[in-house]
Amino acid sequence: MDLERMRALLAALQEARYAGVRSVSYDGKSVTYGSDAELANAISDLEARIAAASGTPRRRRWGTVASKGL
């Protein structure tokens, strides 16, 4: 799958998720996800594939947590 097609599919998945819809139609095919978590996993996987294909690493967030032990 080429990069532009993956980006178009990613946009379709994101639009469906933000609209609260679990069914996505793309290129005459329809996919229905069982839950929002499945849709989120599909989006995450596609983002990783796009990052690998474009040569840019995925951004990762790191944080520091501290407490005084009270």
PDB file of N, CA and C in Angstrom:
ATOM      1  N   MET A   1       0.865  -1.172   0.000  1.00  0.00           N
ATOM      2  CA  MET A   1       0.000   0.000   0.000  1.00  0.00           C
ATOM      3  C   MET A   1       0.907   1.229   0.000  1.00  0.00           C
ATOM      4  N   ASP A   2       0.605   2.170  -0.881  1.00  0.00           N
ATOM      5  CA  ASP A   2       1.450   3.355  -0.952  1.00  0.00           C
ATOM      6  C   ASP A   2       1.107   4.364   0.150  1.00  0.00           C
ATOM      7  N   LEU A   3       1.995   5.314   0.342  1.00  0.00           N
ATOM      8  CA  LEU A   3       1.906   6.262   1.448  1.00  0.00           C
ATOM      9  C   LEU A   3       0.654   7.133   1.384  1.00  0.00           C
ATOM     10  N   GLU A   4       0.314   7.608   0.206  1.00  0.00           N
ATOM     11  CA  GLU A   4      -0.869   8.476   0.076  1.00  0.00           C
ATOM     12  C   GLU A   4      -2.157   7.716   0.380  1.00  0.00           C
ATOM     13  N   ARG A   5      -2.212   6.470  -0.041  1.00  0.00           N
ATOM     14  CA  ARG A   5      -3.400   5.655   0.243  1.00  0.00           C
ATOM     15  C   ARG A   5      -3.527   5.398   1.746  1.00  0.00           C
ATOM     16  N   MET A   6      -2.386   5.133   2.411  1.00  0.00           N
ATOM     17  CA  MET A   6      -2.417   4.924   3.859  1.00  0.00           C
ATOM     18  C   MET A   6      -2.870   6.187   4.588  1.00  0.00           C
ATOM     19  N   ARG A   7      -2.413   7.335   4.119  1.00  0.00           N
ATOM     20  CA  ARG A   7      -2.828   8.601   4.747  1.00  0.00           C
ATOM     21  C   ARG A   7      -4.326   8.852   4.556  1.00  0.00           C
ATOM     22  N   ALA A   8      -4.839   8.524   3.392  1.00  0.00           N
ATOM     23  CA  ALA A   8      -6.278   8.693   3.140  1.00  0.00           C
ATOM     24  C   ALA A   8      -7.091   7.758   4.026  1.00  0.00           C
ATOM     25  N   LEU A   9      -6.624   6.520   4.176  1.00  0.00           N
ATOM     26  CA  LEU A   9      -7.307   5.566   5.042  1.00  0.00           C
ATOM     27  C   LEU A   9      -7.242   6.011   6.496  1.00  0.00           C
ATOM     28  N   LEU A  10      -6.106   6.535   6.913  1.00  0.00           N
ATOM     29  CA  LEU A  10      -5.970   7.053   8.279  1.00  0.00           C
ATOM     30  C   LEU A  10      -6.961   8.183   8.529  1.00  0.00           C
ATOM     31  N   ALA A  11      -7.091   9.077   7.573  1.00  0.00           N
ATOM     32  CA  ALA A  11      -8.044  10.178   7.719  1.00  0.00           C
ATOM     33  C   ALA A  11      -9.474   9.645   7.839  1.00  0.00           C
ATOM     34  N   ALA A  12      -9.804   8.630   7.041  1.00  0.00           N
ATOM     35  CA  ALA A  12     -11.151   8.053   7.113  1.00  0.00           C
ATOM     36  C   ALA A  12     -11.400   7.394   8.467  1.00  0.00           C
ATOM     37  N   LEU A  13     -10.398   6.684   8.982  1.00  0.00           N
ATOM     38  CA  LEU A  13     -10.540   6.041  10.294  1.00  0.00           C
ATOM     39  C   LEU A  13     -10.685   7.072  11.403  1.00  0.00           C
ATOM     40  N   GLN A  14      -9.890   8.123  11.352  1.00  0.00           N
ATOM     41  CA  GLN A  14      -9.967   9.162  12.374  1.00  0.00           C
ATOM     42  C   GLN A  14     -11.302   9.885  12.336  1.00  0.00           C
ATOM     43  N   GLU A  15     -11.792  10.190  11.148  1.00  0.00           N
ATOM     44  CA  GLU A  15     -13.094  10.848  11.028  1.00  0.00           C
ATOM     45  C   GLU A  15     -14.200   9.972  11.602  1.00  0.00           C
ATOM     46  N   ALA A  16     -14.143   8.682  11.315  1.00  0.00           N
ATOM     47  CA  ALA A  16     -15.157   7.764  11.832  1.00  0.00           C
ATOM     48  C   ALA A  16     -15.097   7.699  13.357  1.00  0.00           C
ATOM     49  N   ARG A  17     -13.889   7.638  13.901  1.00  0.00           N
ATOM     50  CA  ARG A  17     -13.753   7.542  15.359  1.00  0.00           C
ATOM     51  C   ARG A  17     -14.270   8.807  16.035  1.00  0.00           C
ATOM     52  N   TYR A  18     -13.908   9.958  15.509  1.00  0.00           N
ATOM     53  CA  TYR A  18     -14.346  11.212  16.123  1.00  0.00           C
ATOM     54  C   TYR A  18     -15.843  11.443  15.959  1.00  0.00           C
ATOM     55  N   ALA A  19     -16.440  10.821  14.948  1.00  0.00           N
ATOM     56  CA  ALA A  19     -17.887  10.940  14.750  1.00  0.00           C
ATOM     57  C   ALA A  19     -18.649   9.912  15.590  1.00  0.00           C
ATOM     58  N   GLY A  20     -17.903   8.979  16.205  1.00  0.00           N
ATOM     59  CA  GLY A  20     -18.554   7.962  17.025  1.00  0.00           C
ATOM     60  C   GLY A  20     -19.109   6.801  16.223  1.00  0.00           C
ATOM     61  N   VAL A  21     -18.611   6.628  15.013  1.00  0.00           N
ATOM     62  CA  VAL A  21     -19.067   5.565  14.126  1.00  0.00           C
ATOM     63  C   VAL A  21     -18.019   4.458  14.112  1.00  0.00           C
ATOM     64  N   ARG A  22     -18.468   3.205  14.134  1.00  0.00           N
ATOM     65  CA  ARG A  22     -17.517   2.087  14.123  1.00  0.00           C
ATOM     66  C   ARG A  22     -17.398   1.436  12.766  1.00  0.00           C
ATOM     67  N   SER A  23     -18.127   1.918  11.780  1.00  0.00           N
ATOM     68  CA  SER A  23     -18.081   1.353  10.440  1.00  0.00           C
ATOM     69  C   SER A  23     -17.422   2.347   9.487  1.00  0.00           C
ATOM     70  N   VAL A  24     -16.480   1.847   8.688  1.00  0.00           N
ATOM     71  CA  VAL A  24     -15.741   2.699   7.756  1.00  0.00           C
ATOM     72  C   VAL A  24     -15.832   2.090   6.371  1.00  0.00           C
ATOM     73  N   SER A  25     -16.132   2.923   5.370  1.00  0.00           N
ATOM     74  CA  SER A  25     -16.147   2.480   3.980  1.00  0.00           C
ATOM     75  C   SER A  25     -15.022   3.176   3.232  1.00  0.00           C
ATOM     76  N   TYR A  26     -14.244   2.386   2.489  1.00  0.00           N
ATOM     77  CA  TYR A  26     -13.116   2.945   1.755  1.00  0.00           C
ATOM     78  C   TYR A  26     -12.876   2.081   0.528  1.00  0.00           C
ATOM     79  N   ASP A  27     -12.766   2.685  -0.628  1.00  0.00           N
ATOM     80  CA  ASP A  27     -12.559   1.984  -1.895  1.00  0.00           C
ATOM     81  C   ASP A  27     -13.597   0.897  -2.150  1.00  0.00           C
ATOM     82  N   GLY A  28     -14.836   1.160  -1.816  1.00  0.00           N
ATOM     83  CA  GLY A  28     -15.901   0.204  -2.061  1.00  0.00           C
ATOM     84  C   GLY A  28     -15.985  -0.933  -1.062  1.00  0.00           C
ATOM     85  N   LYS A  29     -15.124  -0.910  -0.046  1.00  0.00           N
ATOM     86  CA  LYS A  29     -15.131  -1.945   0.990  1.00  0.00           C
ATOM     87  C   LYS A  29     -15.603  -1.337   2.297  1.00  0.00           C
ATOM     88  N   SER A  30     -16.266  -2.141   3.096  1.00  0.00           N
ATOM     89  CA  SER A  30     -16.767  -1.660   4.378  1.00  0.00           C
ATOM     90  C   SER A  30     -16.216  -2.536   5.495  1.00  0.00           C
ATOM     91  N   VAL A  31     -15.743  -1.887   6.555  1.00  0.00           N
ATOM     92  CA  VAL A  31     -15.215  -2.585   7.724  1.00  0.00           C
ATOM     93  C   VAL A  31     -15.946  -2.063   8.945  1.00  0.00           C
ATOM     94  N   THR A  32     -16.425  -2.970   9.783  1.00  0.00           N
ATOM     95  CA  THR A  32     -17.076  -2.581  11.026  1.00  0.00           C
ATOM     96  C   THR A  32     -16.236  -3.090  12.183  1.00  0.00           C
ATOM     97  N   TYR A  33     -15.837  -2.186  13.036  1.00  0.00           N
ATOM     98  CA  TYR A  33     -15.027  -2.523  14.201  1.00  0.00           C
ATOM     99  C   TYR A  33     -15.937  -2.819  15.378  1.00  0.00           C
ATOM    100  N   GLY A  34     -15.559  -3.794  16.197  1.00  0.00           N
ATOM    101  CA  GLY A  34     -16.389  -4.225  17.316  1.00  0.00           C
ATOM    102  C   GLY A  34     -16.438  -3.234  18.453  1.00  0.00           C
ATOM    103  N   SER A  35     -15.383  -2.459  18.611  1.00  0.00           N
ATOM    104  CA  SER A  35     -15.339  -1.501  19.716  1.00  0.00           C
ATOM    105  C   SER A  35     -14.455  -0.325  19.330  1.00  0.00           C
ATOM    106  N   ASP A  36     -14.495   0.706  20.156  1.00  0.00           N
ATOM    107  CA  ASP A  36     -13.635   1.866  19.933  1.00  0.00           C
ATOM    108  C   ASP A  36     -12.175   1.476  20.102  1.00  0.00           C
ATOM    109  N   ALA A  37     -11.894   0.525  20.993  1.00  0.00           N
ATOM    110  CA  ALA A  37     -10.514   0.084  21.207  1.00  0.00           C
ATOM    111  C   ALA A  37      -9.944  -0.563  19.938  1.00  0.00           C
ATOM    112  N   GLU A  38     -10.742  -1.353  19.240  1.00  0.00           N
ATOM    113  CA  GLU A  38     -10.287  -1.959  17.989  1.00  0.00           C
ATOM    114  C   GLU A  38     -10.003  -0.891  16.941  1.00  0.00           C
ATOM    115  N   LEU A  39     -10.856   0.106  16.876  1.00  0.00           N
ATOM    116  CA  LEU A  39     -10.657   1.204  15.934  1.00  0.00           C
ATOM    117  C   LEU A  39      -9.398   1.987  16.298  1.00  0.00           C
ATOM    118  N   ALA A  40      -9.182   2.231  17.589  1.00  0.00           N
ATOM    119  CA  ALA A  40      -7.983   2.937  18.043  1.00  0.00           C
ATOM    120  C   ALA A  40      -6.726   2.135  17.709  1.00  0.00           C
ATOM    121  N   ASN A  41      -6.781   0.811  17.851  1.00  0.00           N
ATOM    122  CA  ASN A  41      -5.634  -0.027  17.504  1.00  0.00           C
ATOM    123  C   ASN A  41      -5.343   0.021  16.011  1.00  0.00           C
ATOM    124  N   ALA A  42      -6.381   0.041  15.204  1.00  0.00           N
ATOM    125  CA  ALA A  42      -6.199   0.136  13.754  1.00  0.00           C
ATOM    126  C   ALA A  42      -5.554   1.472  13.383  1.00  0.00           C
ATOM    127  N   ILE A  43      -5.969   2.536  14.037  1.00  0.00           N
ATOM    128  CA  ILE A  43      -5.393   3.859  13.791  1.00  0.00           C
ATOM    129  C   ILE A  43      -3.929   3.870  14.203  1.00  0.00           C
ATOM    130  N   SER A  44      -3.633   3.322  15.370  1.00  0.00           N
ATOM    131  CA  SER A  44      -2.260   3.291  15.868  1.00  0.00           C
ATOM    132  C   SER A  44      -1.352   2.482  14.949  1.00  0.00           C
ATOM    133  N   ASP A  45      -1.841   1.340  14.477  1.00  0.00           N
ATOM    134  CA  ASP A  45      -1.063   0.508  13.568  1.00  0.00           C
ATOM    135  C   ASP A  45      -0.798   1.229  12.260  1.00  0.00           C
ATOM    136  N   LEU A  46      -1.798   1.892  11.744  1.00  0.00           N
ATOM    137  CA  LEU A  46      -1.642   2.619  10.488  1.00  0.00           C
ATOM    138  C   LEU A  46      -0.676   3.787  10.651  1.00  0.00           C
ATOM    139  N   GLU A  47      -0.732   4.479  11.789  1.00  0.00           N
ATOM    140  CA  GLU A  47       0.219   5.563  12.045  1.00  0.00           C
ATOM    141  C   GLU A  47       1.650   5.036  12.079  1.00  0.00           C
ATOM    142  N   ALA A  48       1.853   3.859  12.685  1.00  0.00           N
ATOM    143  CA  ALA A  48       3.186   3.257  12.731  1.00  0.00           C
ATOM    144  C   ALA A  48       3.665   2.886  11.333  1.00  0.00           C
ATOM    145  N   ARG A  49       2.767   2.350  10.509  1.00  0.00           N
ATOM    146  CA  ARG A  49       3.131   1.988   9.142  1.00  0.00           C
ATOM    147  C   ARG A  49       3.479   3.224   8.318  1.00  0.00           C
ATOM    148  N   ILE A  50       2.739   4.298   8.512  1.00  0.00           N
ATOM    149  CA  ILE A  50       3.022   5.543   7.789  1.00  0.00           C
ATOM    150  C   ILE A  50       4.368   6.103   8.227  1.00  0.00           C
ATOM    151  N   ALA A  51       4.641   6.072   9.521  1.00  0.00           N
ATOM    152  CA  ALA A  51       5.919   6.567  10.026  1.00  0.00           C
ATOM    153  C   ALA A  51       7.080   5.749   9.473  1.00  0.00           C
ATOM    154  N   ALA A  52       6.914   4.441   9.407  1.00  0.00           N
ATOM    155  CA  ALA A  52       7.971   3.580   8.876  1.00  0.00           C
ATOM    156  C   ALA A  52       8.180   3.824   7.382  1.00  0.00           C
ATOM    157  N   ALA A  53       7.095   4.013   6.650  1.00  0.00           N
ATOM    158  CA  ALA A  53       7.196   4.217   5.210  1.00  0.00           C
ATOM    159  C   ALA A  53       7.764   5.585   4.852  1.00  0.00           C
ATOM    160  N   SER A  54       7.494   6.584   5.684  1.00  0.00           N
ATOM    161  CA  SER A  54       7.976   7.927   5.379  1.00  0.00           C
ATOM    162  C   SER A  54       9.347   8.213   5.975  1.00  0.00           C
ATOM    163  N   GLY A  55       9.834   7.298   6.803  1.00  0.00           N
ATOM    164  CA  GLY A  55      11.159   7.478   7.372  1.00  0.00           C
ATOM    165  C   GLY A  55      11.205   8.367   8.594  1.00  0.00           C
ATOM    166  N   THR A  56      10.060   8.774   9.103  1.00  0.00           N
ATOM    167  CA  THR A  56      10.035   9.595  10.308  1.00  0.00           C
ATOM    168  C   THR A  56       9.639   8.728  11.490  1.00  0.00           C
ATOM    169  N   PRO A  57      10.381   8.819  12.572  1.00  0.00           N
ATOM    170  CA  PRO A  57      10.033   8.001  13.742  1.00  0.00           C
ATOM    171  C   PRO A  57       8.762   8.508  14.408  1.00  0.00           C
ATOM    172  N   ARG A  58       8.037   7.579  15.030  1.00  0.00           N
ATOM    173  CA  ARG A  58       6.843   7.977  15.789  1.00  0.00           C
ATOM    174  C   ARG A  58       7.274   8.769  17.007  1.00  0.00           C
ATOM    175  N   ARG A  59       6.476   9.755  17.329  1.00  0.00           N
ATOM    176  CA  ARG A  59       6.760  10.532  18.531  1.00  0.00           C
ATOM    177  C   ARG A  59       6.334   9.735  19.747  1.00  0.00           C
ATOM    178  N   ARG A  60       7.200   9.708  20.708  1.00  0.00           N
ATOM    179  CA  ARG A  60       6.869   9.041  21.966  1.00  0.00           C
ATOM    180  C   ARG A  60       6.925  10.069  23.075  1.00  0.00           C
ATOM    181  N   ARG A  61       6.011   9.929  23.990  1.00  0.00           N
ATOM    182  CA  ARG A  61       5.953  10.880  25.110  1.00  0.00           C
ATOM    183  C   ARG A  61       6.518  10.216  26.348  1.00  0.00           C
ATOM    184  N   TRP A  62       7.397  10.898  26.984  1.00  0.00           N
ATOM    185  CA  TRP A  62       7.988  10.414  28.221  1.00  0.00           C
ATOM    186  C   TRP A  62       7.676  11.419  29.306  1.00  0.00           C
ATOM    187  N   GLY A  63       7.421  10.941  30.474  1.00  0.00           N
ATOM    188  CA  GLY A  63       7.125  11.837  31.590  1.00  0.00           C
ATOM    189  C   GLY A  63       7.826  11.355  32.846  1.00  0.00           C
ATOM    190  N   THR A  64       7.972  12.263  33.760  1.00  0.00           N
ATOM    191  CA  THR A  64       8.587  11.940  35.037  1.00  0.00           C
ATOM    192  C   THR A  64       7.553  12.142  36.136  1.00  0.00           C
ATOM    193  N   VAL A  65       7.490  11.172  37.026  1.00  0.00           N
ATOM    194  CA  VAL A  65       6.564  11.251  38.141  1.00  0.00           C
ATOM    195  C   VAL A  65       7.371  11.179  39.423  1.00  0.00           C
ATOM    196  N   ALA A  66       7.081  12.070  40.337  1.00  0.00           N
ATOM    197  CA  ALA A  66       7.779  12.081  41.614  1.00  0.00           C
ATOM    198  C   ALA A  66       6.774  12.275  42.757  1.00  0.00           C
ATOM    199  N   SER A  67       7.101  11.725  43.881  1.00  0.00           N
ATOM    200  CA  SER A  67       6.279  11.950  45.047  1.00  0.00           C
ATOM    201  C   SER A  67       7.172  12.033  46.272  1.00  0.00           C
ATOM    202  N   LYS A  68       6.655  12.613  47.325  1.00  0.00           N
ATOM    203  CA  LYS A  68       7.424  12.741  48.561  1.00  0.00           C
ATOM    204  C   LYS A  68       7.224  11.530  49.463  1.00  0.00           C
ATOM    205  N   GLY A  69       6.465  10.575  49.002  1.00  0.00           N
ATOM    206  CA  GLY A  69       6.257   9.352  49.766  1.00  0.00           C
ATOM    207  C   GLY A  69       5.354   9.521  50.964  1.00  0.00           C
ATOM    208  N   LEU A  70       4.468  10.513  50.911  1.00  0.00           N
ATOM    209  CA  LEU A  70       3.552  10.731  52.047  1.00  0.00           C
ATOM    210  C   LEU A  70       2.340   9.866  51.946  1.00  0.00           C
TER     211      LEU A  70
END
